[in-house]
Amino acid sequence: MRILLDTHVLIWYLEGNQGLSLTNRQKIVDPDNEIFFSLAGFWEIAIKAGTKKLKISRSLSDILQQLSAHSIQVLNIQPGHILQVATLPFHHRDPFDRIMIAQAQVEFLPILTHDSAFADYGIKLI
C-alpha cells in the first residue's frame, strides 16, 4: 500500500508519541508499504517550529535524515498538485493540509491522519 503521512503523524512517529497507534506505526514500518511525506510538511514544520507553535526535539535537517533512514520518500510539490488545490472547496482552510489533500487526490494516495476534516474531500483516510 502507498501511504501519505500527515505532518503530525510523522512527528508522532519520529518522537515515539503514543498518539500514533501501534497499528498505524506498524503500517509505517511495514516494508511492503510505500510511505510518503509531503515537501509541504517540511515547510509546515519549519514555520510552526520557528514561531514556537510546534515543539519538537529534532532539527529539520535531522527529520530529513530520519526520513531516509526509515525509507520514507519525500513527495515533491508538482504543478498538477497546485492546480488541484485551486479546485478544492474550502472545507479545510489550512494551506499545508490543502496541498497534502491535493497531492493525495492527484497521486491516488490514502492519508494517514487524525484530522477528520480531510474526509470531506473524498480521499481515503487511514
PDB file of N, CA and C in Angstrom:
ATOM      1  N   MET A   1       0.849  -1.177   0.000  1.00  0.00           N
ATOM      2  CA  MET A   1       0.000   0.000   0.000  1.00  0.00           C
ATOM      3  C   MET A   1       0.893   1.238   0.000  1.00  0.00           C
ATOM      4  N   ARG A   2       0.449   2.249  -0.718  1.00  0.00           N
ATOM      5  CA  ARG A   2       1.119   3.546  -0.731  1.00  0.00           C
ATOM      6  C   ARG A   2       0.384   4.462   0.237  1.00  0.00           C
ATOM      7  N   ILE A   3       1.126   5.184   1.090  1.00  0.00           N
ATOM      8  CA  ILE A   3       0.514   5.992   2.146  1.00  0.00           C
ATOM      9  C   ILE A   3       1.222   7.340   2.236  1.00  0.00           C
ATOM     10  N   LEU A   4       0.426   8.412   2.321  1.00  0.00           N
ATOM     11  CA  LEU A   4       0.951   9.752   2.571  1.00  0.00           C
ATOM     12  C   LEU A   4       0.737  10.074   4.047  1.00  0.00           C
ATOM     13  N   LEU A   5       1.796  10.471   4.731  1.00  0.00           N
ATOM     14  CA  LEU A   5       1.704  10.802   6.159  1.00  0.00           C
ATOM     15  C   LEU A   5       1.393  12.278   6.339  1.00  0.00           C
ATOM     16  N   ASP A   6       0.431  12.570   7.198  1.00  0.00           N
ATOM     17  CA  ASP A   6       0.178  13.944   7.604  1.00  0.00           C
ATOM     18  C   ASP A   6       1.328  14.370   8.520  1.00  0.00           C
ATOM     19  N   THR A   7       1.536  15.663   8.642  1.00  0.00           N
ATOM     20  CA  THR A   7       2.676  16.179   9.396  1.00  0.00           C
ATOM     21  C   THR A   7       2.682  15.695  10.836  1.00  0.00           C
ATOM     22  N   HIS A   8       1.555  15.766  11.514  1.00  0.00           N
ATOM     23  CA  HIS A   8       1.536  15.355  12.919  1.00  0.00           C
ATOM     24  C   HIS A   8       1.834  13.861  13.062  1.00  0.00           C
ATOM     25  N   VAL A   9       1.436  13.068  12.088  1.00  0.00           N
ATOM     26  CA  VAL A   9       1.698  11.625  12.147  1.00  0.00           C
ATOM     27  C   VAL A   9       3.194  11.367  12.039  1.00  0.00           C
ATOM     28  N   LEU A  10       3.871  12.064  11.130  1.00  0.00           N
ATOM     29  CA  LEU A  10       5.323  11.891  11.021  1.00  0.00           C
ATOM     30  C   LEU A  10       6.012  12.286  12.321  1.00  0.00           C
ATOM     31  N   ILE A  11       5.606  13.408  12.891  1.00  0.00           N
ATOM     32  CA  ILE A  11       6.222  13.859  14.144  1.00  0.00           C
ATOM     33  C   ILE A  11       5.964  12.843  15.253  1.00  0.00           C
ATOM     34  N   TRP A  12       4.732  12.371  15.368  1.00  0.00           N
ATOM     35  CA  TRP A  12       4.423  11.367  16.385  1.00  0.00           C
ATOM     36  C   TRP A  12       5.270  10.113  16.179  1.00  0.00           C
ATOM     37  N   TYR A  13       5.416   9.717  14.927  1.00  0.00           N
ATOM     38  CA  TYR A  13       6.201   8.518  14.613  1.00  0.00           C
ATOM     39  C   TYR A  13       7.663   8.707  15.045  1.00  0.00           C
ATOM     40  N   LEU A  14       8.270   9.811  14.625  1.00  0.00           N
ATOM     41  CA  LEU A  14       9.678  10.039  14.941  1.00  0.00           C
ATOM     42  C   LEU A  14       9.928  10.298  16.417  1.00  0.00           C
ATOM     43  N   GLU A  15       8.947  10.910  17.090  1.00  0.00           N
ATOM     44  CA  GLU A  15       9.114  11.250  18.503  1.00  0.00           C
ATOM     45  C   GLU A  15       8.655  10.125  19.438  1.00  0.00           C
ATOM     46  N   GLY A  16       8.099   9.055  18.873  1.00  0.00           N
ATOM     47  CA  GLY A  16       7.621   7.953  19.707  1.00  0.00           C
ATOM     48  C   GLY A  16       6.385   8.313  20.505  1.00  0.00           C
ATOM     49  N   ASN A  17       5.601   9.262  20.008  1.00  0.00           N
ATOM     50  CA  ASN A  17       4.408   9.737  20.702  1.00  0.00           C
ATOM     51  C   ASN A  17       3.319   8.665  20.671  1.00  0.00           C
ATOM     52  N   GLN A  18       2.662   8.484  21.808  1.00  0.00           N
ATOM     53  CA  GLN A  18       1.608   7.487  21.933  1.00  0.00           C
ATOM     54  C   GLN A  18       0.335   7.861  21.172  1.00  0.00           C
ATOM     55  N   GLY A  19       0.265   9.074  20.628  1.00  0.00           N
ATOM     56  CA  GLY A  19      -0.879   9.465  19.811  1.00  0.00           C
ATOM     57  C   GLY A  19      -0.982   8.629  18.539  1.00  0.00           C
ATOM     58  N   LEU A  20       0.140   8.047  18.137  1.00  0.00           N
ATOM     59  CA  LEU A  20       0.162   7.175  16.969  1.00  0.00           C
ATOM     60  C   LEU A  20      -0.019   5.740  17.440  1.00  0.00           C
ATOM     61  N   SER A  21      -1.101   5.124  17.017  1.00  0.00           N
ATOM     62  CA  SER A  21      -1.406   3.760  17.465  1.00  0.00           C
ATOM     63  C   SER A  21      -0.352   2.773  16.982  1.00  0.00           C
ATOM     64  N   LEU A  22      -0.268   1.661  17.657  1.00  0.00           N
ATOM     65  CA  LEU A  22       0.657   0.600  17.264  1.00  0.00           C
ATOM     66  C   LEU A  22       0.323   0.100  15.863  1.00  0.00           C
ATOM     67  N   THR A  23      -0.964  -0.008  15.556  1.00  0.00           N
ATOM     68  CA  THR A  23      -1.396  -0.462  14.230  1.00  0.00           C
ATOM     69  C   THR A  23      -0.880   0.476  13.150  1.00  0.00           C
ATOM     70  N   ASN A  24      -1.022   1.788  13.360  1.00  0.00           N
ATOM     71  CA  ASN A  24      -0.553   2.747  12.367  1.00  0.00           C
ATOM     72  C   ASN A  24       0.971   2.803  12.310  1.00  0.00           C
ATOM     73  N   ARG A  25       1.618   2.648  13.440  1.00  0.00           N
ATOM     74  CA  ARG A  25       3.081   2.598  13.464  1.00  0.00           C
ATOM     75  C   ARG A  25       3.568   1.403  12.638  1.00  0.00           C
ATOM     76  N   GLN A  26       2.881   0.282  12.762  1.00  0.00           N
ATOM     77  CA  GLN A  26       3.258  -0.906  12.000  1.00  0.00           C
ATOM     78  C   GLN A  26       3.069  -0.696  10.501  1.00  0.00           C
ATOM     79  N   LYS A  27       2.047   0.063  10.115  1.00  0.00           N
ATOM     80  CA  LYS A  27       1.852   0.369   8.696  1.00  0.00           C
ATOM     81  C   LYS A  27       3.035   1.155   8.145  1.00  0.00           C
ATOM     82  N   ILE A  28       3.568   2.060   8.952  1.00  0.00           N
ATOM     83  CA  ILE A  28       4.694   2.881   8.509  1.00  0.00           C
ATOM     84  C   ILE A  28       5.955   2.040   8.349  1.00  0.00           C
ATOM     85  N   VAL A  29       6.177   1.106   9.241  1.00  0.00           N
ATOM     86  CA  VAL A  29       7.416   0.313   9.182  1.00  0.00           C
ATOM     87  C   VAL A  29       7.302  -0.927   8.302  1.00  0.00           C
ATOM     88  N   ASP A  30       6.106  -1.261   7.859  1.00  0.00           N
ATOM     89  CA  ASP A  30       5.911  -2.443   7.016  1.00  0.00           C
ATOM     90  C   ASP A  30       6.661  -2.255   5.696  1.00  0.00           C
ATOM     91  N   PRO A  31       7.641  -3.116   5.395  1.00  0.00           N
ATOM     92  CA  PRO A  31       8.429  -2.952   4.166  1.00  0.00           C
ATOM     93  C   PRO A  31       7.607  -3.129   2.888  1.00  0.00           C
ATOM     94  N   ASP A  32       6.414  -3.693   2.997  1.00  0.00           N
ATOM     95  CA  ASP A  32       5.543  -3.836   1.831  1.00  0.00           C
ATOM     96  C   ASP A  32       4.791  -2.547   1.498  1.00  0.00           C
ATOM     97  N   ASN A  33       4.828  -1.579   2.414  1.00  0.00           N
ATOM     98  CA  ASN A  33       4.160  -0.296   2.181  1.00  0.00           C
ATOM     99  C   ASN A  33       5.166   0.727   1.676  1.00  0.00           C
ATOM    100  N   GLU A  34       4.693   1.609   0.797  1.00  0.00           N
ATOM    101  CA  GLU A  34       5.495   2.705   0.281  1.00  0.00           C
ATOM    102  C   GLU A  34       5.002   3.968   0.984  1.00  0.00           C
ATOM    103  N   ILE A  35       5.858   4.575   1.799  1.00  0.00           N
ATOM    104  CA  ILE A  35       5.462   5.687   2.651  1.00  0.00           C
ATOM    105  C   ILE A  35       6.014   6.999   2.087  1.00  0.00           C
ATOM    106  N   PHE A  36       5.134   8.022   2.063  1.00  0.00           N
ATOM    107  CA  PHE A  36       5.495   9.331   1.534  1.00  0.00           C
ATOM    108  C   PHE A  36       5.239  10.409   2.583  1.00  0.00           C
ATOM    109  N   PHE A  37       6.025  11.478   2.502  1.00  0.00           N
ATOM    110  CA  PHE A  37       5.810  12.675   3.308  1.00  0.00           C
ATOM    111  C   PHE A  37       5.957  13.867   2.373  1.00  0.00           C
ATOM    112  N   SER A  38       4.981  14.757   2.404  1.00  0.00           N
ATOM    113  CA  SER A  38       4.960  15.906   1.501  1.00  0.00           C
ATOM    114  C   SER A  38       6.033  16.930   1.847  1.00  0.00           C
ATOM    115  N   LEU A  39       6.607  17.496   0.815  1.00  0.00           N
ATOM    116  CA  LEU A  39       7.535  18.601   0.993  1.00  0.00           C
ATOM    117  C   LEU A  39       6.854  19.739   1.754  1.00  0.00           C
ATOM    118  N   ALA A  40       5.544  19.881   1.568  1.00  0.00           N
ATOM    119  CA  ALA A  40       4.791  20.905   2.293  1.00  0.00           C
ATOM    120  C   ALA A  40       4.856  20.683   3.804  1.00  0.00           C
ATOM    121  N   GLY A  41       4.982  19.431   4.222  1.00  0.00           N
ATOM    122  CA  GLY A  41       5.106  19.130   5.644  1.00  0.00           C
ATOM    123  C   GLY A  41       6.386  19.706   6.243  1.00  0.00           C
ATOM    124  N   PHE A  42       7.475  19.698   5.473  1.00  0.00           N
ATOM    125  CA  PHE A  42       8.724  20.312   5.954  1.00  0.00           C
ATOM    126  C   PHE A  42       8.546  21.809   6.127  1.00  0.00           C
ATOM    127  N   TRP A  43       7.865  22.405   5.173  1.00  0.00           N
ATOM    128  CA  TRP A  43       7.593  23.835   5.249  1.00  0.00           C
ATOM    129  C   TRP A  43       6.751  24.137   6.490  1.00  0.00           C
ATOM    130  N   GLU A  44       5.739  23.308   6.721  1.00  0.00           N
ATOM    131  CA  GLU A  44       4.879  23.481   7.894  1.00  0.00           C
ATOM    132  C   GLU A  44       5.679  23.366   9.189  1.00  0.00           C
ATOM    133  N   ILE A  45       6.529  22.354   9.278  1.00  0.00           N
ATOM    134  CA  ILE A  45       7.350  22.170  10.480  1.00  0.00           C
ATOM    135  C   ILE A  45       8.269  23.370  10.679  1.00  0.00           C
ATOM    136  N   ALA A  46       8.915  23.813   9.600  1.00  0.00           N
ATOM    137  CA  ALA A  46       9.834  24.949   9.692  1.00  0.00           C
ATOM    138  C   ALA A  46       9.132  26.193  10.218  1.00  0.00           C
ATOM    139  N   ILE A  47       7.949  26.476   9.682  1.00  0.00           N
ATOM    140  CA  ILE A  47       7.215  27.673  10.097  1.00  0.00           C
ATOM    141  C   ILE A  47       6.722  27.535  11.535  1.00  0.00           C
ATOM    142  N   LYS A  48       6.088  26.412  11.845  1.00  0.00           N
ATOM    143  CA  LYS A  48       5.492  26.263  13.172  1.00  0.00           C
ATOM    144  C   LYS A  48       6.545  26.120  14.270  1.00  0.00           C
ATOM    145  N   ALA A  49       7.668  25.476  13.970  1.00  0.00           N
ATOM    146  CA  ALA A  49       8.746  25.388  14.965  1.00  0.00           C
ATOM    147  C   ALA A  49       9.386  26.765  15.148  1.00  0.00           C
ATOM    148  N   GLY A  50       9.531  27.498  14.052  1.00  0.00           N
ATOM    149  CA  GLY A  50      10.131  28.829  14.113  1.00  0.00           C
ATOM    150  C   GLY A  50       9.293  29.831  14.891  1.00  0.00           C
ATOM    151  N   THR A  51       7.972  29.662  14.857  1.00  0.00           N
ATOM    152  CA  THR A  51       7.075  30.563  15.588  1.00  0.00           C
ATOM    153  C   THR A  51       6.703  30.011  16.969  1.00  0.00           C
ATOM    154  N   LYS A  52       7.325  28.887  17.325  1.00  0.00           N
ATOM    155  CA  LYS A  52       7.115  28.233  18.637  1.00  0.00           C
ATOM    156  C   LYS A  52       5.713  27.648  18.799  1.00  0.00           C
ATOM    157  N   LYS A  53       4.981  27.437  17.691  1.00  0.00           N
ATOM    158  CA  LYS A  53       3.673  26.787  17.758  1.00  0.00           C
ATOM    159  C   LYS A  53       3.820  25.269  17.767  1.00  0.00           C
ATOM    160  N   LEU A  54       5.045  24.797  17.500  1.00  0.00           N
ATOM    161  CA  LEU A  54       5.332  23.371  17.474  1.00  0.00           C
ATOM    162  C   LEU A  54       6.640  23.141  18.213  1.00  0.00           C
ATOM    163  N   LYS A  55       6.596  22.244  19.173  1.00  0.00           N
ATOM    164  CA  LYS A  55       7.812  21.892  19.910  1.00  0.00           C
ATOM    165  C   LYS A  55       8.223  20.490  19.498  1.00  0.00           C
ATOM    166  N   ILE A  56       9.412  20.390  18.921  1.00  0.00           N
ATOM    167  CA  ILE A  56       9.946  19.096  18.513  1.00  0.00           C
ATOM    168  C   ILE A  56      11.374  18.971  19.050  1.00  0.00           C
ATOM    169  N   SER A  57      11.781  17.735  19.259  1.00  0.00           N
ATOM    170  CA  SER A  57      13.110  17.500  19.821  1.00  0.00           C
ATOM    171  C   SER A  57      14.190  17.386  18.757  1.00  0.00           C
ATOM    172  N   ARG A  58      13.803  17.457  17.488  1.00  0.00           N
ATOM    173  CA  ARG A  58      14.751  17.277  16.387  1.00  0.00           C
ATOM    174  C   ARG A  58      14.823  18.533  15.521  1.00  0.00           C
ATOM    175  N   SER A  59      15.945  18.686  14.865  1.00  0.00           N
ATOM    176  CA  SER A  59      16.075  19.770  13.888  1.00  0.00           C
ATOM    177  C   SER A  59      15.422  19.323  12.583  1.00  0.00           C
ATOM    178  N   LEU A  60      15.159  20.285  11.731  1.00  0.00           N
ATOM    179  CA  LEU A  60      14.575  19.976  10.432  1.00  0.00           C
ATOM    180  C   LEU A  60      15.523  19.089   9.621  1.00  0.00           C
ATOM    181  N   SER A  61      16.809  19.345   9.727  1.00  0.00           N
ATOM    182  CA  SER A  61      17.756  18.516   8.976  1.00  0.00           C
ATOM    183  C   SER A  61      17.801  17.096   9.528  1.00  0.00           C
ATOM    184  N   ASP A  62      17.625  16.939  10.835  1.00  0.00           N
ATOM    185  CA  ASP A  62      17.564  15.591  11.420  1.00  0.00           C
ATOM    186  C   ASP A  62      16.311  14.863  10.941  1.00  0.00           C
ATOM    187  N   ILE A  63      15.207  15.573  10.856  1.00  0.00           N
ATOM    188  CA  ILE A  63      13.966  14.959  10.359  1.00  0.00           C
ATOM    189  C   ILE A  63      14.177  14.473   8.926  1.00  0.00           C
ATOM    190  N   LEU A  64      14.813  15.279   8.110  1.00  0.00           N
ATOM    191  CA  LEU A  64      15.098  14.880   6.728  1.00  0.00           C
ATOM    192  C   LEU A  64      15.968  13.619   6.689  1.00  0.00           C
ATOM    193  N   GLN A  65      16.972  13.558   7.537  1.00  0.00           N
ATOM    194  CA  GLN A  65      17.828  12.363   7.604  1.00  0.00           C
ATOM    195  C   GLN A  65      17.038  11.153   8.080  1.00  0.00           C
ATOM    196  N   GLN A  66      16.136  11.354   9.025  1.00  0.00           N
ATOM    197  CA  GLN A  66      15.336  10.256   9.560  1.00  0.00           C
ATOM    198  C   GLN A  66      14.399   9.683   8.489  1.00  0.00           C
ATOM    199  N   LEU A  67      13.912  10.539   7.602  1.00  0.00           N
ATOM    200  CA  LEU A  67      13.063  10.036   6.524  1.00  0.00           C
ATOM    201  C   LEU A  67      13.816   9.004   5.702  1.00  0.00           C
ATOM    202  N   SER A  68      15.017   9.334   5.334  1.00  0.00           N
ATOM    203  CA  SER A  68      15.828   8.403   4.552  1.00  0.00           C
ATOM    204  C   SER A  68      16.098   7.129   5.340  1.00  0.00           C
ATOM    205  N   ALA A  69      16.434   7.284   6.605  1.00  0.00           N
ATOM    206  CA  ALA A  69      16.739   6.127   7.454  1.00  0.00           C
ATOM    207  C   ALA A  69      15.533   5.209   7.615  1.00  0.00           C
ATOM    208  N   HIS A  70      14.326   5.770   7.543  1.00  0.00           N
ATOM    209  CA  HIS A  70      13.093   4.999   7.712  1.00  0.00           C
ATOM    210  C   HIS A  70      12.408   4.683   6.375  1.00  0.00           C
ATOM    211  N   SER A  71      13.121   4.913   5.278  1.00  0.00           N
ATOM    212  CA  SER A  71      12.614   4.628   3.924  1.00  0.00           C
ATOM    213  C   SER A  71      11.317   5.371   3.605  1.00  0.00           C
ATOM    214  N   ILE A  72      11.216   6.597   4.104  1.00  0.00           N
ATOM    215  CA  ILE A  72      10.062   7.446   3.810  1.00  0.00           C
ATOM    216  C   ILE A  72      10.476   8.394   2.689  1.00  0.00           C
ATOM    217  N   GLN A  73       9.702   8.402   1.618  1.00  0.00           N
ATOM    218  CA  GLN A  73      10.030   9.198   0.439  1.00  0.00           C
ATOM    219  C   GLN A  73       9.416  10.591   0.521  1.00  0.00           C
ATOM    220  N   VAL A  74      10.169  11.585   0.092  1.00  0.00           N
ATOM    221  CA  VAL A  74       9.653  12.955   0.030  1.00  0.00           C
ATOM    222  C   VAL A  74       8.806  13.083  -1.235  1.00  0.00           C
ATOM    223  N   LEU A  75       7.580  13.555  -1.068  1.00  0.00           N
ATOM    224  CA  LEU A  75       6.692  13.811  -2.190  1.00  0.00           C
ATOM    225  C   LEU A  75       6.794  15.295  -2.526  1.00  0.00           C
ATOM    226  N   ASN A  76       7.480  15.582  -3.617  1.00  0.00           N
ATOM    227  CA  ASN A  76       7.653  16.966  -4.039  1.00  0.00           C
ATOM    228  C   ASN A  76       6.337  17.547  -4.534  1.00  0.00           C
ATOM    229  N   ILE A  77       6.255  18.862  -4.504  1.00  0.00           N
ATOM    230  CA  ILE A  77       5.063  19.561  -4.978  1.00  0.00           C
ATOM    231  C   ILE A  77       5.231  19.800  -6.477  1.00  0.00           C
ATOM    232  N   GLN A  78       4.268  19.321  -7.240  1.00  0.00           N
ATOM    233  CA  GLN A  78       4.280  19.433  -8.699  1.00  0.00           C
ATOM    234  C   GLN A  78       3.205  20.433  -9.148  1.00  0.00           C
ATOM    235  N   PRO A  79       3.351  20.991 -10.343  1.00  0.00           N
ATOM    236  CA  PRO A  79       2.327  21.925 -10.845  1.00  0.00           C
ATOM    237  C   PRO A  79       0.911  21.334 -10.821  1.00  0.00           C
ATOM    238  N   GLY A  80       0.769  20.047 -11.115  1.00  0.00           N
ATOM    239  CA  GLY A  80      -0.549  19.420 -11.078  1.00  0.00           C
ATOM    240  C   GLY A  80      -1.164  19.421  -9.691  1.00  0.00           C
ATOM    241  N   HIS A  81      -0.325  19.344  -8.668  1.00  0.00           N
ATOM    242  CA  HIS A  81      -0.828  19.409  -7.293  1.00  0.00           C
ATOM    243  C   HIS A  81      -1.393  20.798  -7.003  1.00  0.00           C
ATOM    244  N   ILE A  82      -0.687  21.825  -7.480  1.00  0.00           N
ATOM    245  CA  ILE A  82      -1.132  23.202  -7.251  1.00  0.00           C
ATOM    246  C   ILE A  82      -2.430  23.475  -8.016  1.00  0.00           C
ATOM    247  N   LEU A  83      -2.507  22.968  -9.240  1.00  0.00           N
ATOM    248  CA  LEU A  83      -3.750  23.127  -9.999  1.00  0.00           C
ATOM    249  C   LEU A  83      -4.918  22.455  -9.287  1.00  0.00           C
ATOM    250  N   GLN A  84      -4.661  21.323  -8.651  1.00  0.00           N
ATOM    251  CA  GLN A  84      -5.708  20.619  -7.909  1.00  0.00           C
ATOM    252  C   GLN A  84      -6.168  21.426  -6.702  1.00  0.00           C
ATOM    253  N   VAL A  85      -5.228  22.090  -6.021  1.00  0.00           N
ATOM    254  CA  VAL A  85      -5.598  22.938  -4.871  1.00  0.00           C
ATOM    255  C   VAL A  85      -6.631  23.979  -5.302  1.00  0.00           C
ATOM    256  N   ALA A  86      -6.472  24.529  -6.500  1.00  0.00           N
ATOM    257  CA  ALA A  86      -7.382  25.572  -6.989  1.00  0.00           C
ATOM    258  C   ALA A  86      -8.811  25.064  -7.155  1.00  0.00           C
ATOM    259  N   THR A  87      -8.984  23.748  -7.258  1.00  0.00           N
ATOM    260  CA  THR A  87     -10.325  23.183  -7.441  1.00  0.00           C
ATOM    261  C   THR A  87     -10.977  22.756  -6.126  1.00  0.00           C
ATOM    262  N   LEU A  88     -10.217  22.777  -5.045  1.00  0.00           N
ATOM    263  CA  LEU A  88     -10.741  22.265  -3.770  1.00  0.00           C
ATOM    264  C   LEU A  88     -11.734  23.225  -3.130  1.00  0.00           C
ATOM    265  N   PRO A  89     -12.850  22.705  -2.636  1.00  0.00           N
ATOM    266  CA  PRO A  89     -13.732  23.540  -1.817  1.00  0.00           C
ATOM    267  C   PRO A  89     -13.035  23.864  -0.494  1.00  0.00           C
ATOM    268  N   PHE A  90     -13.523  24.864   0.210  1.00  0.00           N
ATOM    269  CA  PHE A  90     -12.862  25.298   1.435  1.00  0.00           C
ATOM    270  C   PHE A  90     -13.439  24.637   2.686  1.00  0.00           C
ATOM    271  N   HIS A  91     -13.478  23.301   2.677  1.00  0.00           N
ATOM    272  CA  HIS A  91     -13.838  22.573   3.901  1.00  0.00           C
ATOM    273  C   HIS A  91     -12.731  22.754   4.935  1.00  0.00           C
ATOM    274  N   HIS A  92     -11.525  22.873   4.443  1.00  0.00           N
ATOM    275  CA  HIS A  92     -10.330  22.967   5.289  1.00  0.00           C
ATOM    276  C   HIS A  92      -9.538  24.167   4.794  1.00  0.00           C
ATOM    277  N   ARG A  93      -9.159  25.051   5.679  1.00  0.00           N
ATOM    278  CA  ARG A  93      -8.504  26.284   5.263  1.00  0.00           C
ATOM    279  C   ARG A  93      -6.986  26.263   5.453  1.00  0.00           C
ATOM    280  N   ASP A  94      -6.455  25.285   6.155  1.00  0.00           N
ATOM    281  CA  ASP A  94      -5.019  25.222   6.397  1.00  0.00           C
ATOM    282  C   ASP A  94      -4.295  24.965   5.068  1.00  0.00           C
ATOM    283  N   PRO A  95      -3.416  25.884   4.635  1.00  0.00           N
ATOM    284  CA  PRO A  95      -2.771  25.730   3.329  1.00  0.00           C
ATOM    285  C   PRO A  95      -1.879  24.486   3.232  1.00  0.00           C
ATOM    286  N   PHE A  96      -1.266  24.089   4.325  1.00  0.00           N
ATOM    287  CA  PHE A  96      -0.417  22.893   4.311  1.00  0.00           C
ATOM    288  C   PHE A  96      -1.275  21.643   4.096  1.00  0.00           C
ATOM    289  N   ASP A  97      -2.395  21.597   4.790  1.00  0.00           N
ATOM    290  CA  ASP A  97      -3.286  20.452   4.633  1.00  0.00           C
ATOM    291  C   ASP A  97      -3.918  20.433   3.248  1.00  0.00           C
ATOM    292  N   ARG A  98      -4.233  21.599   2.725  1.00  0.00           N
ATOM    293  CA  ARG A  98      -4.858  21.656   1.400  1.00  0.00           C
ATOM    294  C   ARG A  98      -3.928  21.121   0.312  1.00  0.00           C
ATOM    295  N   ILE A  99      -2.639  21.440   0.383  1.00  0.00           N
ATOM    296  CA  ILE A  99      -1.729  20.910  -0.640  1.00  0.00           C
ATOM    297  C   ILE A  99      -1.559  19.406  -0.459  1.00  0.00           C
ATOM    298  N   MET A 100      -1.546  18.933   0.788  1.00  0.00           N
ATOM    299  CA  MET A 100      -1.442  17.481   1.001  1.00  0.00           C
ATOM    300  C   MET A 100      -2.689  16.759   0.488  1.00  0.00           C
ATOM    301  N   ILE A 101      -3.841  17.356   0.689  1.00  0.00           N
ATOM    302  CA  ILE A 101      -5.086  16.779   0.171  1.00  0.00           C
ATOM    303  C   ILE A 101      -5.025  16.712  -1.352  1.00  0.00           C
ATOM    304  N   ALA A 102      -4.579  17.797  -1.972  1.00  0.00           N
ATOM    305  CA  ALA A 102      -4.455  17.820  -3.431  1.00  0.00           C
ATOM    306  C   ALA A 102      -3.466  16.760  -3.911  1.00  0.00           C
ATOM    307  N   GLN A 103      -2.340  16.627  -3.220  1.00  0.00           N
ATOM    308  CA  GLN A 103      -1.363  15.607  -3.594  1.00  0.00           C
ATOM    309  C   GLN A 103      -1.977  14.214  -3.480  1.00  0.00           C
ATOM    310  N   ALA A 104      -2.714  13.984  -2.419  1.00  0.00           N
ATOM    311  CA  ALA A 104      -3.357  12.675  -2.227  1.00  0.00           C
ATOM    312  C   ALA A 104      -4.341  12.390  -3.365  1.00  0.00           C
ATOM    313  N   GLN A 105      -5.095  13.398  -3.774  1.00  0.00           N
ATOM    314  CA  GLN A 105      -6.054  13.209  -4.859  1.00  0.00           C
ATOM    315  C   GLN A 105      -5.336  12.912  -6.173  1.00  0.00           C
ATOM    316  N   VAL A 106      -4.353  13.702  -6.513  1.00  0.00           N
ATOM    317  CA  VAL A 106      -3.649  13.555  -7.788  1.00  0.00           C
ATOM    318  C   VAL A 106      -2.864  12.242  -7.848  1.00  0.00           C
ATOM    319  N   GLU A 107      -2.233  11.893  -6.740  1.00  0.00           N
ATOM    320  CA  GLU A 107      -1.366  10.704  -6.711  1.00  0.00           C
ATOM    321  C   GLU A 107      -2.113   9.439  -6.267  1.00  0.00           C
ATOM    322  N   PHE A 108      -3.407   9.557  -5.976  1.00  0.00           N
ATOM    323  CA  PHE A 108      -4.228   8.428  -5.514  1.00  0.00           C
ATOM    324  C   PHE A 108      -3.620   7.774  -4.274  1.00  0.00           C
ATOM    325  N   LEU A 109      -3.326   8.623  -3.288  1.00  0.00           N
ATOM    326  CA  LEU A 109      -2.720   8.159  -2.041  1.00  0.00           C
ATOM    327  C   LEU A 109      -3.697   8.320  -0.885  1.00  0.00           C
ATOM    328  N   PRO A 110      -3.866   7.291  -0.073  1.00  0.00           N
ATOM    329  CA  PRO A 110      -4.593   7.495   1.181  1.00  0.00           C
ATOM    330  C   PRO A 110      -3.701   8.276   2.139  1.00  0.00           C
ATOM    331  N   ILE A 111      -4.316   9.030   3.040  1.00  0.00           N
ATOM    332  CA  ILE A 111      -3.554   9.828   4.005  1.00  0.00           C
ATOM    333  C   ILE A 111      -3.728   9.223   5.394  1.00  0.00           C
ATOM    334  N   LEU A 112      -2.609   9.037   6.067  1.00  0.00           N
ATOM    335  CA  LEU A 112      -2.619   8.623   7.469  1.00  0.00           C
ATOM    336  C   LEU A 112      -2.654   9.903   8.289  1.00  0.00           C
ATOM    337  N   THR A 113      -3.812  10.169   8.911  1.00  0.00           N
ATOM    338  CA  THR A 113      -4.037  11.413   9.644  1.00  0.00           C
ATOM    339  C   THR A 113      -5.039  11.182  10.762  1.00  0.00           C
ATOM    340  N   HIS A 114      -5.067  12.110  11.688  1.00  0.00           N
ATOM    341  CA  HIS A 114      -6.103  12.132  12.724  1.00  0.00           C
ATOM    342  C   HIS A 114      -7.028  13.316  12.505  1.00  0.00           C
ATOM    343  N   ASP A 115      -6.860  14.020  11.391  1.00  0.00           N
ATOM    344  CA  ASP A 115      -7.660  15.192  11.062  1.00  0.00           C
ATOM    345  C   ASP A 115      -8.902  14.744  10.289  1.00  0.00           C
ATOM    346  N   SER A 116     -10.026  14.705  10.949  1.00  0.00           N
ATOM    347  CA  SER A 116     -11.259  14.202  10.334  1.00  0.00           C
ATOM    348  C   SER A 116     -11.763  15.101   9.207  1.00  0.00           C
ATOM    349  N   ALA A 117     -11.330  16.366   9.147  1.00  0.00           N
ATOM    350  CA  ALA A 117     -11.779  17.275   8.086  1.00  0.00           C
ATOM    351  C   ALA A 117     -11.297  16.829   6.710  1.00  0.00           C
ATOM    352  N   PHE A 118     -10.245  16.014   6.653  1.00  0.00           N
ATOM    353  CA  PHE A 118      -9.743  15.515   5.368  1.00  0.00           C
ATOM    354  C   PHE A 118     -10.806  14.667   4.669  1.00  0.00           C
ATOM    355  N   ALA A 119     -11.659  14.014   5.421  1.00  0.00           N
ATOM    356  CA  ALA A 119     -12.667  13.116   4.846  1.00  0.00           C
ATOM    357  C   ALA A 119     -13.638  13.856   3.928  1.00  0.00           C
ATOM    358  N   ASP A 120     -13.819  15.145   4.146  1.00  0.00           N
ATOM    359  CA  ASP A 120     -14.738  15.932   3.321  1.00  0.00           C
ATOM    360  C   ASP A 120     -14.289  16.033   1.864  1.00  0.00           C
ATOM    361  N   TYR A 121     -13.066  15.609   1.580  1.00  0.00           N
ATOM    362  CA  TYR A 121     -12.512  15.715   0.222  1.00  0.00           C
ATOM    363  C   TYR A 121     -12.568  14.402  -0.546  1.00  0.00           C
ATOM    364  N   GLY A 122     -13.195  13.403   0.018  1.00  0.00           N
ATOM    365  CA  GLY A 122     -13.368  12.141  -0.700  1.00  0.00           C
ATOM    366  C   GLY A 122     -12.098  11.337  -0.885  1.00  0.00           C
ATOM    367  N   ILE A 123     -11.106  11.584  -0.052  1.00  0.00           N
ATOM    368  CA  ILE A 123      -9.886  10.777  -0.117  1.00  0.00           C
ATOM    369  C   ILE A 123      -9.938   9.717   0.972  1.00  0.00           C
ATOM    370  N   LYS A 124      -9.239   8.645   0.738  1.00  0.00           N
ATOM    371  CA  LYS A 124      -9.213   7.579   1.729  1.00  0.00           C
ATOM    372  C   LYS A 124      -8.324   7.996   2.897  1.00  0.00           C
ATOM    373  N   LEU A 125      -8.857   7.831   4.103  1.00  0.00           N
ATOM    374  CA  LEU A 125      -8.101   8.123   5.305  1.00  0.00           C
ATOM    375  C   LEU A 125      -7.753   6.830   6.017  1.00  0.00           C
ATOM    376  N   ILE A 126      -6.574   6.845   6.614  1.00  0.00           N
ATOM    377  CA  ILE A 126      -6.136   5.687   7.411  1.00  0.00           C
ATOM    378  C   ILE A 126      -6.013   6.165   8.846  1.00  0.00           C
TER     379      ILE A 126
END
